[in-house]
Amino acid sequence: MKQMKALPVSATPASGLELPEHLAQQAADAVRELLAEAAAANTTRSYAAALRYWAGWHQARFGIEMTLPVSEAVVIQFLVDHIQRKNKAGLVSELPPAVDQALVASGLKAKLGAFKLSTVTQRVAVLSTAHKLKRLDNPCELPSVRTLLSRARRSAVKRGERPAKKTAITRCELEAMLKTCDDSLEGLRDRALLCFGFASGGRRRSEIAAADMRDLRKSGEDGYIYRLEYSKTQQAGVKADSTPDKPILGRSAEALSAWLEAAGIREGAIFRRIWKNRVGPALLPGSVATIVKRRAVLAGLEGDFGAHSLRSGFVTEAGKQGVPLPAVMAMTEHRSVASVIGYFQSGQAEDNPAARLLKD
């Protein structure tokens, strides 16, 4: 790795530091461009939060406001401040305690201590995107930065760290959760939501919350077709090579019909809040996750369940039942085989004939 000119760094925040409520002007411009490109509200909030953190860390660390482009040395300093490494003292990083405390006090950081490596990687990726959008020299793509992140991932794996994944809701778990849903408005809604989220291809929580009657049509006497106009992987709308129509059939269609009839929904959001047995406005994405977690608890299931459990569970169940991967990806809207193959292979693992070489 080539030698870089050292930047002056401050072990403590600048005197009278007030972490900025707004980003530096160039960073703010980048946020606006990101907002314009990112249709998903969660993505928008995530990008804005990442850039706010960069601005706050930069001011606390160097005592000056951040502007774009950022130098290679600044990105390297960010990485060594936030990536843990192992030495004789244990796991350490270079973020000064006073800077850490200032970031927490400003609300830019939830708690003292190291970030997960995935968080550091995401924040570097956001900074990289900001540079690309403004057509600036991008320090995040330099070999020094890429090498450091690559080595950090290897070290984390050697220490036994694994990405946290939600427990998959396969058919077995889903059946148990559906049994907890009675015929009240809430029960009908939750049954329909779970079936819709699973059967339509493992929809994300934002997609379930955004589901609208204008995109739903009857198919035959006992089925529906839901047209997924927008998703995380097609934020500019339906692509020519995409299959936006997602069938909802059998029990899932019956559950959806029962909910729509009981709630009197003819237009607008499909899944709504319920207050004192009255149907309200559309669910928020966070509420979808809450419903999934609550039903898992009521069913007595053990694991870390969330809205993504429906998505990973759909792919895992498809693998168990031998559904071809292209057919699965047509339903889930995955664009990368690498991002879906882990769940798919996990579902097929028990049926691998190579696992049964030692017979009784």
Protein backbone atom coordinates (compact mmCIF):
# COMPACT_ATOMS: atom_id res chain seq x y z
CA MET A 1 0.00 0.00 0.00
CA LYS A 2 1.40 3.35 -1.00
CA GLN A 3 2.38 5.92 1.58
CA MET A 4 -0.11 8.75 2.05
CA LYS A 5 0.37 12.17 3.46
CA ALA A 6 -0.93 12.18 7.01
CA LEU A 7 -3.80 14.45 7.92
CA PRO A 8 -3.94 16.34 11.20
CA VAL A 9 -6.32 14.49 13.46
CA SER A 10 -7.75 15.51 16.75
CA ALA A 11 -7.85 13.09 19.68
CA THR A 12 -10.71 15.15 21.06
CA PRO A 13 -13.46 17.09 19.31
CA ALA A 14 -12.73 20.71 18.41
CA SER A 15 -13.39 23.19 21.18
CA GLY A 16 -17.05 24.17 21.35
CA LEU A 17 -17.90 21.59 18.69
CA GLU A 18 -21.49 21.64 17.53
CA LEU A 19 -22.11 18.75 15.18
CA PRO A 20 -23.95 20.15 12.17
CA GLU A 21 -27.70 19.79 11.91
CA HIS A 22 -27.29 19.87 8.14
CA LEU A 23 -24.59 18.46 5.93
CA ALA A 24 -21.98 20.55 4.22
CA GLN A 25 -23.48 22.06 1.07
CA GLN A 26 -21.95 19.58 -1.34
CA ALA A 27 -22.98 16.64 0.79
CA ALA A 28 -26.50 18.08 1.04
CA ASP A 29 -26.63 18.31 -2.76
CA ALA A 30 -25.62 14.67 -2.94
CA VAL A 31 -28.42 13.73 -0.54
CA ARG A 32 -30.98 15.49 -2.72
CA GLU A 33 -29.74 13.62 -5.78
CA LEU A 34 -29.87 10.37 -3.86
CA LEU A 35 -33.43 11.12 -2.76
CA ALA A 36 -34.44 11.72 -6.36
CA GLU A 37 -33.01 8.37 -7.45
CA ALA A 38 -34.09 6.21 -4.52
CA ALA A 39 -37.77 5.35 -4.61
CA ALA A 40 -37.66 3.25 -1.44
CA ALA A 41 -38.17 5.35 1.69
CA ASN A 42 -35.95 3.06 3.74
CA THR A 43 -33.11 3.50 1.24
CA THR A 44 -33.57 7.26 1.29
CA ARG A 45 -33.38 7.41 5.08
CA SER A 46 -30.39 5.07 5.15
CA TYR A 47 -28.41 7.14 2.63
CA ALA A 48 -29.18 10.42 4.36
CA ALA A 49 -28.25 9.00 7.78
CA ALA A 50 -24.96 7.63 6.42
CA LEU A 51 -23.94 11.00 4.97
CA ARG A 52 -24.96 12.83 8.14
CA TYR A 53 -22.72 10.46 10.07
CA TRP A 54 -19.80 11.09 7.70
CA ALA A 55 -20.21 14.84 8.16
CA GLY A 56 -20.44 14.57 11.94
CA TRP A 57 -17.50 12.19 12.24
CA HIS A 58 -15.36 14.38 9.98
CA GLN A 59 -16.02 17.51 12.02
CA ALA A 60 -15.48 15.73 15.33
CA ARG A 61 -12.29 14.04 14.10
CA PHE A 62 -10.61 16.87 12.21
CA GLY A 63 -12.38 19.98 13.54
CA ILE A 64 -13.45 21.08 10.04
CA GLU A 65 -16.58 20.64 7.94
CA MET A 66 -16.64 17.87 5.38
CA THR A 67 -16.83 18.71 1.68
CA LEU A 68 -16.73 16.52 -1.40
CA PRO A 69 -14.55 15.10 -2.82
CA VAL A 70 -13.14 13.41 0.25
CA SER A 71 -9.47 12.42 0.17
CA GLU A 72 -8.09 8.89 0.28
CA ALA A 73 -6.50 9.61 3.67
CA VAL A 74 -9.86 10.59 5.16
CA VAL A 75 -11.51 7.35 4.02
CA ILE A 76 -8.60 5.30 5.38
CA GLN A 77 -8.88 7.13 8.71
CA PHE A 78 -12.62 6.41 8.78
CA LEU A 79 -11.92 2.71 8.25
CA VAL A 80 -9.26 2.36 10.94
CA ASP A 81 -11.49 4.35 13.31
CA HIS A 82 -14.43 2.01 12.77
CA ILE A 83 -13.04 -1.42 11.86
CA GLN A 84 -11.98 -3.59 14.76
CA ARG A 85 -8.71 -5.48 14.62
CA LYS A 86 -7.22 -8.00 16.99
CA ASN A 87 -4.00 -7.40 18.94
CA LYS A 88 -2.61 -8.40 22.35
CA ALA A 89 -5.16 -6.19 24.08
CA GLY A 90 -8.06 -7.84 22.25
CA LEU A 91 -10.34 -6.19 19.68
CA VAL A 92 -9.44 -2.52 19.20
CA SER A 93 -10.06 0.36 16.81
CA GLU A 94 -8.70 3.89 16.51
CA LEU A 95 -11.83 5.98 17.21
CA PRO A 96 -10.95 8.25 20.17
CA PRO A 97 -13.40 7.85 23.10
CA ALA A 98 -14.10 11.60 23.14
CA VAL A 99 -15.10 11.55 19.47
CA ASP A 100 -17.23 8.47 20.07
CA GLN A 101 -19.00 10.23 22.94
CA ALA A 102 -19.57 13.36 20.84
CA LEU A 103 -21.18 11.32 18.06
CA VAL A 104 -23.49 9.57 20.51
CA ALA A 105 -24.39 12.85 22.23
CA SER A 106 -25.27 14.40 18.86
CA GLY A 107 -27.63 11.55 17.99
CA LEU A 108 -25.52 10.45 15.03
CA LYS A 109 -24.60 7.20 16.78
CA ALA A 110 -26.94 5.06 18.88
CA LYS A 111 -24.39 3.86 21.42
CA LEU A 112 -20.72 3.83 22.28
CA GLY A 113 -18.52 1.19 20.72
CA ALA A 114 -17.71 -0.33 17.38
CA PHE A 115 -20.04 -0.63 14.43
CA LYS A 116 -20.67 -3.94 12.72
CA LEU A 117 -18.48 -4.38 9.68
CA SER A 118 -21.61 -4.40 7.50
CA THR A 119 -22.47 -0.90 8.76
CA VAL A 120 -18.98 0.39 7.95
CA THR A 121 -19.17 -1.16 4.48
CA GLN A 122 -22.58 0.39 3.84
CA ARG A 123 -21.39 3.85 4.85
CA VAL A 124 -18.40 3.64 2.56
CA ALA A 125 -20.72 2.50 -0.26
CA VAL A 126 -22.99 5.52 0.31
CA LEU A 127 -20.03 7.91 0.22
CA SER A 128 -18.90 6.21 -2.98
CA THR A 129 -22.34 6.73 -4.53
CA ALA A 130 -22.29 10.40 -3.56
CA HIS A 131 -18.98 10.86 -5.39
CA LYS A 132 -20.25 9.01 -8.46
CA LEU A 133 -23.42 11.12 -8.65
CA LYS A 134 -21.38 14.30 -8.57
CA ARG A 135 -18.81 12.86 -11.01
CA LEU A 136 -15.95 13.44 -8.62
CA ASP A 137 -12.77 11.44 -8.14
CA ASN A 138 -13.90 8.54 -5.96
CA PRO A 139 -11.52 7.61 -3.11
CA CYS A 140 -13.71 4.65 -2.14
CA GLU A 141 -12.71 2.77 -5.27
CA LEU A 142 -8.98 3.12 -4.73
CA PRO A 143 -6.98 -0.11 -4.21
CA SER A 144 -5.97 0.93 -0.69
CA VAL A 145 -9.60 1.20 0.43
CA ARG A 146 -10.75 -1.95 -1.36
CA THR A 147 -7.85 -3.96 0.06
CA LEU A 148 -8.48 -2.77 3.61
CA LEU A 149 -12.17 -3.68 3.42
CA SER A 150 -11.37 -7.05 1.88
CA ARG A 151 -8.86 -7.90 4.61
CA ALA A 152 -11.32 -6.74 7.27
CA ARG A 153 -13.95 -9.15 5.93
CA ARG A 154 -11.47 -12.04 6.00
CA SER A 155 -10.41 -11.22 9.53
CA ALA A 156 -14.02 -11.05 10.69
CA VAL A 157 -14.74 -14.47 9.20
CA LYS A 158 -11.63 -15.94 10.85
CA ARG A 159 -12.89 -14.59 14.20
CA GLY A 160 -16.14 -16.45 13.62
CA GLU A 161 -18.28 -13.41 12.83
CA ARG A 162 -21.19 -14.06 10.51
CA PRO A 163 -23.79 -11.69 9.03
CA ALA A 164 -26.95 -11.69 11.13
CA LYS A 165 -29.82 -13.22 9.16
CA LYS A 166 -33.48 -13.44 10.04
CA THR A 167 -34.87 -16.91 10.64
CA ALA A 168 -36.57 -18.18 7.50
CA ILE A 169 -40.33 -18.72 7.57
CA THR A 170 -40.81 -21.84 5.48
CA ARG A 171 -44.14 -23.60 5.04
CA CYS A 172 -43.93 -25.28 8.45
CA GLU A 173 -43.44 -22.00 10.33
CA LEU A 174 -46.03 -20.24 8.19
CA GLU A 175 -48.68 -22.86 8.94
CA ALA A 176 -48.05 -22.45 12.67
CA MET A 177 -48.36 -18.65 12.42
CA LEU A 178 -51.57 -18.85 10.38
CA LYS A 179 -53.15 -20.98 13.10
CA THR A 180 -52.82 -18.02 15.49
CA CYS A 181 -55.01 -15.83 13.25
CA ASP A 182 -58.69 -15.87 14.25
CA ASP A 183 -61.66 -14.41 12.34
CA SER A 184 -61.46 -10.95 13.91
CA LEU A 185 -60.51 -8.03 11.66
CA GLU A 186 -56.97 -8.20 12.98
CA GLY A 187 -56.80 -11.95 12.50
CA LEU A 188 -58.14 -11.75 8.95
CA ARG A 189 -55.70 -8.99 8.08
CA ASP A 190 -52.70 -10.78 9.54
CA ARG A 191 -53.61 -14.06 7.82
CA ALA A 192 -53.99 -12.27 4.48
CA LEU A 193 -50.75 -10.33 5.01
CA LEU A 194 -48.70 -13.42 5.81
CA CYS A 195 -50.13 -15.35 2.88
CA PHE A 196 -49.72 -12.42 0.47
CA GLY A 197 -46.16 -11.72 1.59
CA PHE A 198 -45.14 -15.34 1.21
CA ALA A 199 -47.14 -16.52 -1.81
CA SER A 200 -46.43 -13.52 -4.04
CA GLY A 201 -42.71 -14.25 -3.97
CA GLY A 202 -41.49 -13.30 -0.50
CA ARG A 203 -42.32 -9.62 -0.66
CA ARG A 204 -40.29 -7.07 1.29
CA ARG A 205 -42.01 -5.20 4.12
CA SER A 206 -41.98 -1.96 2.09
CA GLU A 207 -43.68 -3.76 -0.81
CA ILE A 208 -46.36 -5.25 1.46
CA ALA A 209 -47.06 -1.87 3.03
CA ALA A 210 -47.26 -0.26 -0.42
CA ALA A 211 -49.56 -2.93 -1.90
CA ASP A 212 -52.52 -1.17 -3.52
CA MET A 213 -55.85 -2.28 -4.95
CA ARG A 214 -55.09 -0.64 -8.30
CA ASP A 215 -52.43 -3.32 -8.87
CA LEU A 216 -54.66 -6.25 -7.89
CA ARG A 217 -56.98 -8.05 -10.30
CA LYS A 218 -59.02 -11.22 -10.17
CA SER A 219 -57.72 -14.28 -11.99
CA GLY A 220 -60.41 -16.85 -12.63
CA GLU A 221 -62.90 -17.58 -9.90
CA ASP A 222 -60.54 -18.10 -6.98
CA GLY A 223 -57.26 -16.33 -7.64
CA TYR A 224 -55.58 -12.97 -8.01
CA ILE A 225 -52.74 -11.45 -9.97
CA TYR A 226 -50.75 -8.72 -8.22
CA ARG A 227 -48.72 -6.44 -10.47
CA LEU A 228 -45.53 -5.36 -8.72
CA GLU A 229 -44.91 -2.01 -10.40
CA TYR A 230 -42.04 -0.96 -8.13
CA SER A 231 -39.58 -2.85 -5.99
CA LYS A 232 -36.13 -2.36 -4.51
CA THR A 233 -34.56 -3.96 -7.59
CA GLN A 234 -36.62 -2.02 -10.15
CA GLN A 235 -37.06 1.43 -8.68
CA ALA A 236 -37.53 3.05 -12.08
CA GLY A 237 -40.58 0.89 -12.78
CA VAL A 238 -41.16 -2.39 -14.55
CA LYS A 239 -38.30 -3.44 -16.81
CA ALA A 240 -38.72 -5.11 -20.18
CA ASP A 241 -37.11 -8.35 -18.96
CA SER A 242 -39.05 -8.41 -15.69
CA THR A 243 -42.14 -10.44 -14.78
CA PRO A 244 -44.15 -8.02 -12.61
CA ASP A 245 -47.30 -10.18 -12.37
CA LYS A 246 -47.29 -12.27 -9.19
CA PRO A 247 -50.02 -14.92 -8.84
CA ILE A 248 -51.85 -15.33 -5.55
CA LEU A 249 -53.73 -18.61 -5.58
CA GLY A 250 -55.49 -21.19 -3.42
CA ARG A 251 -55.54 -20.57 0.33
CA SER A 252 -53.63 -17.32 -0.08
CA ALA A 253 -56.31 -15.96 -2.43
CA GLU A 254 -59.04 -17.09 -0.04
CA ALA A 255 -57.36 -15.29 2.87
CA LEU A 256 -56.99 -12.12 0.82
CA SER A 257 -60.64 -12.21 -0.29
CA ALA A 258 -61.84 -12.70 3.29
CA TRP A 259 -59.83 -9.68 4.50
CA LEU A 260 -60.90 -7.37 1.68
CA GLU A 261 -64.57 -8.26 2.15
CA ALA A 262 -64.53 -7.92 5.94
CA ALA A 263 -62.65 -4.61 5.80
CA GLY A 264 -64.75 -3.25 2.93
CA ILE A 265 -61.66 -2.33 0.93
CA ARG A 266 -62.37 -1.44 -2.71
CA GLU A 267 -59.55 1.00 -3.42
CA GLY A 268 -56.33 2.28 -1.89
CA ALA A 269 -53.99 0.37 0.38
CA ILE A 270 -54.64 -3.36 0.74
CA PHE A 271 -53.23 -3.73 4.24
CA ARG A 272 -54.46 -1.22 6.81
CA ARG A 273 -54.09 -0.32 10.44
CA ILE A 274 -56.89 -1.39 12.77
CA TRP A 275 -57.93 0.74 15.72
CA LYS A 276 -60.81 -0.23 18.02
CA ASN A 277 -62.14 -2.64 15.39
CA ARG A 278 -62.11 0.07 12.75
CA VAL A 279 -60.05 0.02 9.55
CA GLY A 280 -57.63 2.93 9.22
CA PRO A 281 -54.89 4.10 6.83
CA ALA A 282 -52.16 1.99 5.24
CA LEU A 283 -49.73 0.04 7.39
CA LEU A 284 -46.21 1.36 7.71
CA PRO A 285 -43.32 -0.95 6.73
CA GLY A 286 -42.28 -1.20 10.38
CA SER A 287 -45.77 -2.41 11.29
CA VAL A 288 -45.43 -5.29 8.84
CA ALA A 289 -42.29 -6.44 10.66
CA THR A 290 -44.10 -6.11 14.00
CA ILE A 291 -46.98 -8.28 12.79
CA VAL A 292 -44.61 -11.01 11.60
CA LYS A 293 -42.72 -11.00 14.90
CA ARG A 294 -45.92 -11.04 16.96
CA ARG A 295 -47.40 -13.99 15.07
CA ALA A 296 -44.14 -15.91 15.41
CA VAL A 297 -44.23 -15.38 19.18
CA LEU A 298 -47.90 -16.42 19.39
CA ALA A 299 -47.04 -19.56 17.44
CA GLY A 300 -44.29 -20.39 19.93
CA LEU A 301 -41.56 -20.30 17.29
CA GLU A 302 -37.94 -19.87 18.32
CA GLY A 303 -35.66 -17.67 16.26
CA ASP A 304 -35.00 -14.12 15.13
CA PHE A 305 -38.04 -13.40 12.98
CA GLY A 306 -38.78 -10.27 10.98
CA ALA A 307 -40.40 -9.20 7.73
CA HIS A 308 -37.43 -10.53 5.74
CA SER A 309 -38.20 -13.99 7.15
CA LEU A 310 -41.01 -14.28 4.60
CA ARG A 311 -38.61 -13.56 1.74
CA SER A 312 -35.85 -15.90 2.85
CA GLY A 313 -38.46 -18.51 3.76
CA PHE A 314 -40.05 -18.41 0.31
CA VAL A 315 -36.69 -19.08 -1.37
CA THR A 316 -35.76 -21.77 1.16
CA GLU A 317 -39.11 -23.55 0.75
CA ALA A 318 -38.78 -23.38 -3.04
CA GLY A 319 -35.40 -25.09 -2.74
CA LYS A 320 -36.94 -27.81 -0.54
CA GLN A 321 -39.66 -28.45 -3.11
CA GLY A 322 -37.24 -28.52 -6.05
CA VAL A 323 -38.57 -25.42 -7.80
CA PRO A 324 -36.07 -24.28 -10.50
CA LEU A 325 -34.03 -21.24 -9.46
CA PRO A 326 -35.08 -19.09 -12.49
CA ALA A 327 -38.74 -19.59 -11.56
CA VAL A 328 -37.99 -18.55 -7.98
CA MET A 329 -36.12 -15.43 -9.08
CA ALA A 330 -38.99 -14.47 -11.38
CA MET A 331 -41.20 -14.34 -8.30
CA THR A 332 -38.77 -12.68 -5.90
CA GLU A 333 -37.39 -10.13 -8.40
CA HIS A 334 -33.81 -10.96 -7.37
CA ARG A 335 -31.39 -9.71 -10.01
CA SER A 336 -28.30 -11.42 -8.62
CA VAL A 337 -28.00 -15.20 -8.36
CA ALA A 338 -25.38 -14.70 -5.65
CA SER A 339 -27.85 -12.93 -3.36
CA VAL A 340 -30.47 -15.68 -3.54
CA ILE A 341 -28.45 -18.90 -3.96
CA GLY A 342 -27.54 -19.25 -0.26
CA TYR A 343 -31.17 -19.56 0.84
CA PHE A 344 -32.03 -21.75 -2.15
CA GLN A 345 -29.18 -24.18 -1.50
CA SER A 346 -30.07 -24.27 2.19
CA GLY A 347 -33.52 -25.51 1.26
CA GLN A 348 -32.09 -28.24 -0.98
CA ALA A 349 -29.39 -29.41 1.45
CA GLU A 350 -31.39 -32.17 3.15
CA ASP A 351 -32.40 -33.69 -0.19
CA ASN A 352 -28.88 -33.80 -1.57
CA PRO A 353 -28.31 -37.48 -2.52
CA ALA A 354 -24.61 -37.10 -1.72
CA ALA A 355 -25.58 -36.73 1.95
CA ARG A 356 -27.00 -40.28 2.00
CA LEU A 357 -23.98 -42.27 0.89
CA LEU A 358 -23.74 -44.11 4.22
CA LYS A 359 -26.89 -46.19 4.23
CA ASP A 360 -28.26 -48.25 7.13
